[in-house]
């Protein structure tokens, strides 16, 4: 019984921490702007799409580490340089 209460308490605490922290983290880091330029479904790959974005980053800007599960990212830099690491 004590173990069940302990596990339930941990679960509730985790949910509470997750809800609070999600409000503190911005959807986009400050100093970064992006907009969708073109979006289309890929006819030969059902459920897949191609999205083209235009983004402006200030000098020295770094995106937080992130992943694109089940997707690919291609980058074309029009001015300046970009380093991935």
C-alpha atoms as a PDB file:
ATOM      1  CA  UNK A   1       0.000   0.000   0.000  1.00  0.00           C
ATOM      2  CA  UNK A   2       2.793   2.435   0.894  1.00  0.00           C
ATOM      3  CA  UNK A   3       4.581   1.620  -2.345  1.00  0.00           C
ATOM      4  CA  UNK A   4       1.442   2.327  -4.381  1.00  0.00           C
ATOM      5  CA  UNK A   5       0.969   5.694  -2.661  1.00  0.00           C
ATOM      6  CA  UNK A   6       4.641   6.542  -3.201  1.00  0.00           C
ATOM      7  CA  UNK A   7       4.495   5.685  -6.927  1.00  0.00           C
ATOM      8  CA  UNK A   8       1.223   7.607  -7.290  1.00  0.00           C
ATOM      9  CA  UNK A   9       2.781  10.616  -5.549  1.00  0.00           C
ATOM     10  CA  UNK A  10       5.800  10.489  -7.875  1.00  0.00           C
ATOM     11  CA  UNK A  11       3.517  10.310 -10.895  1.00  0.00           C
ATOM     12  CA  UNK A  12       1.477  13.324  -9.741  1.00  0.00           C
ATOM     13  CA  UNK A  13       4.658  15.290  -8.964  1.00  0.00           C
ATOM     14  CA  UNK A  14       6.045  14.501 -12.435  1.00  0.00           C
ATOM     15  CA  UNK A  15       2.842  15.640 -14.116  1.00  0.00           C
ATOM     16  CA  UNK A  16       2.822  18.857 -12.077  1.00  0.00           C
ATOM     17  CA  UNK A  17       6.482  19.607 -12.876  1.00  0.00           C
ATOM     18  CA  UNK A  18       5.835  18.920 -16.582  1.00  0.00           C
ATOM     19  CA  UNK A  19       2.858  21.274 -16.701  1.00  0.00           C
ATOM     20  CA  UNK A  20       4.719  24.069 -14.923  1.00  0.00           C
ATOM     21  CA  UNK A  21       7.925  23.742 -16.969  1.00  0.00           C
ATOM     22  CA  UNK A  22       6.025  23.681 -20.284  1.00  0.00           C
ATOM     23  CA  UNK A  23       4.716  27.161 -19.490  1.00  0.00           C
ATOM     24  CA  UNK A  24       8.231  28.441 -18.796  1.00  0.00           C
ATOM     25  CA  UNK A  25       9.825  27.231 -22.053  1.00  0.00           C
ATOM     26  CA  UNK A  26       9.089  29.374 -25.132  1.00  0.00           C
ATOM     27  CA  UNK A  27       7.996  27.665 -28.341  1.00  0.00           C
ATOM     28  CA  UNK A  28      10.728  29.543 -30.220  1.00  0.00           C
ATOM     29  CA  UNK A  29      13.881  30.921 -28.656  1.00  0.00           C
ATOM     30  CA  UNK A  30      14.073  34.727 -28.525  1.00  0.00           C
ATOM     31  CA  UNK A  31      15.821  36.367 -31.488  1.00  0.00           C
ATOM     32  CA  UNK A  32      14.678  33.732 -33.969  1.00  0.00           C
ATOM     33  CA  UNK A  33      11.907  34.279 -36.497  1.00  0.00           C
ATOM     34  CA  UNK A  34      10.571  31.818 -39.030  1.00  0.00           C
ATOM     35  CA  UNK A  35       7.675  31.543 -41.456  1.00  0.00           C
ATOM     36  CA  UNK A  36       6.371  28.852 -43.770  1.00  0.00           C
ATOM     37  CA  UNK A  37       7.052  29.760 -47.402  1.00  0.00           C
ATOM     38  CA  UNK A  38       5.648  26.628 -49.067  1.00  0.00           C
ATOM     39  CA  UNK A  39       3.942  23.458 -47.880  1.00  0.00           C
ATOM     40  CA  UNK A  40       2.766  20.467 -49.949  1.00  0.00           C
ATOM     41  CA  UNK A  41       1.939  16.789 -49.565  1.00  0.00           C
ATOM     42  CA  UNK A  42       4.312  14.323 -51.203  1.00  0.00           C
ATOM     43  CA  UNK A  43       2.109  12.379 -53.613  1.00  0.00           C
ATOM     44  CA  UNK A  44       4.445   9.368 -53.822  1.00  0.00           C
ATOM     45  CA  UNK A  45       4.851   9.118 -50.008  1.00  0.00           C
ATOM     46  CA  UNK A  46       1.431   8.989 -48.316  1.00  0.00           C
ATOM     47  CA  UNK A  47       1.358  10.823 -44.991  1.00  0.00           C
ATOM     48  CA  UNK A  48       4.572  12.753 -45.761  1.00  0.00           C
ATOM     49  CA  UNK A  49       4.937  16.409 -46.654  1.00  0.00           C
ATOM     50  CA  UNK A  50       7.558  18.955 -47.661  1.00  0.00           C
ATOM     51  CA  UNK A  51       7.722  22.280 -45.845  1.00  0.00           C
ATOM     52  CA  UNK A  52       9.970  25.192 -46.795  1.00  0.00           C
ATOM     53  CA  UNK A  53      10.748  27.796 -44.134  1.00  0.00           C
ATOM     54  CA  UNK A  54      12.460  31.173 -44.260  1.00  0.00           C
ATOM     55  CA  UNK A  55      14.295  31.963 -41.010  1.00  0.00           C
ATOM     56  CA  UNK A  56      16.231  34.948 -39.697  1.00  0.00           C
ATOM     57  CA  UNK A  57      18.849  34.389 -37.006  1.00  0.00           C
ATOM     58  CA  UNK A  58      20.990  37.062 -35.369  1.00  0.00           C
ATOM     59  CA  UNK A  59      24.797  36.585 -35.409  1.00  0.00           C
ATOM     60  CA  UNK A  60      25.951  33.973 -32.896  1.00  0.00           C
ATOM     61  CA  UNK A  61      22.441  32.546 -32.426  1.00  0.00           C
ATOM     62  CA  UNK A  62      22.181  28.876 -31.394  1.00  0.00           C
ATOM     63  CA  UNK A  63      19.098  26.707 -31.538  1.00  0.00           C
ATOM     64  CA  UNK A  64      18.635  24.295 -28.641  1.00  0.00           C
ATOM     65  CA  UNK A  65      19.331  20.646 -29.473  1.00  0.00           C
ATOM     66  CA  UNK A  66      16.323  19.036 -31.134  1.00  0.00           C
ATOM     67  CA  UNK A  67      15.423  16.176 -33.476  1.00  0.00           C
ATOM     68  CA  UNK A  68      13.067  15.598 -36.392  1.00  0.00           C
ATOM     69  CA  UNK A  69      11.795  12.034 -35.965  1.00  0.00           C
ATOM     70  CA  UNK A  70      10.801  10.384 -39.227  1.00  0.00           C
ATOM     71  CA  UNK A  71      11.915  13.473 -41.155  1.00  0.00           C
ATOM     72  CA  UNK A  72      14.843  15.084 -42.900  1.00  0.00           C
ATOM     73  CA  UNK A  73      16.131  18.629 -42.771  1.00  0.00           C
ATOM     74  CA  UNK A  74      17.942  20.396 -45.601  1.00  0.00           C
ATOM     75  CA  UNK A  75      19.459  23.844 -45.070  1.00  0.00           C
ATOM     76  CA  UNK A  76      20.302  26.482 -47.656  1.00  0.00           C
ATOM     77  CA  UNK A  77      22.135  29.473 -46.167  1.00  0.00           C
ATOM     78  CA  UNK A  78      21.655  32.646 -48.198  1.00  0.00           C
ATOM     79  CA  UNK A  79      23.861  34.951 -46.124  1.00  0.00           C
ATOM     80  CA  UNK A  80      26.404  34.210 -43.393  1.00  0.00           C
ATOM     81  CA  UNK A  81      27.229  30.689 -42.258  1.00  0.00           C
ATOM     82  CA  UNK A  82      25.719  27.913 -40.187  1.00  0.00           C
ATOM     83  CA  UNK A  83      27.509  25.255 -38.144  1.00  0.00           C
ATOM     84  CA  UNK A  84      25.956  22.007 -36.971  1.00  0.00           C
ATOM     85  CA  UNK A  85      27.453  20.222 -34.033  1.00  0.00           C
END
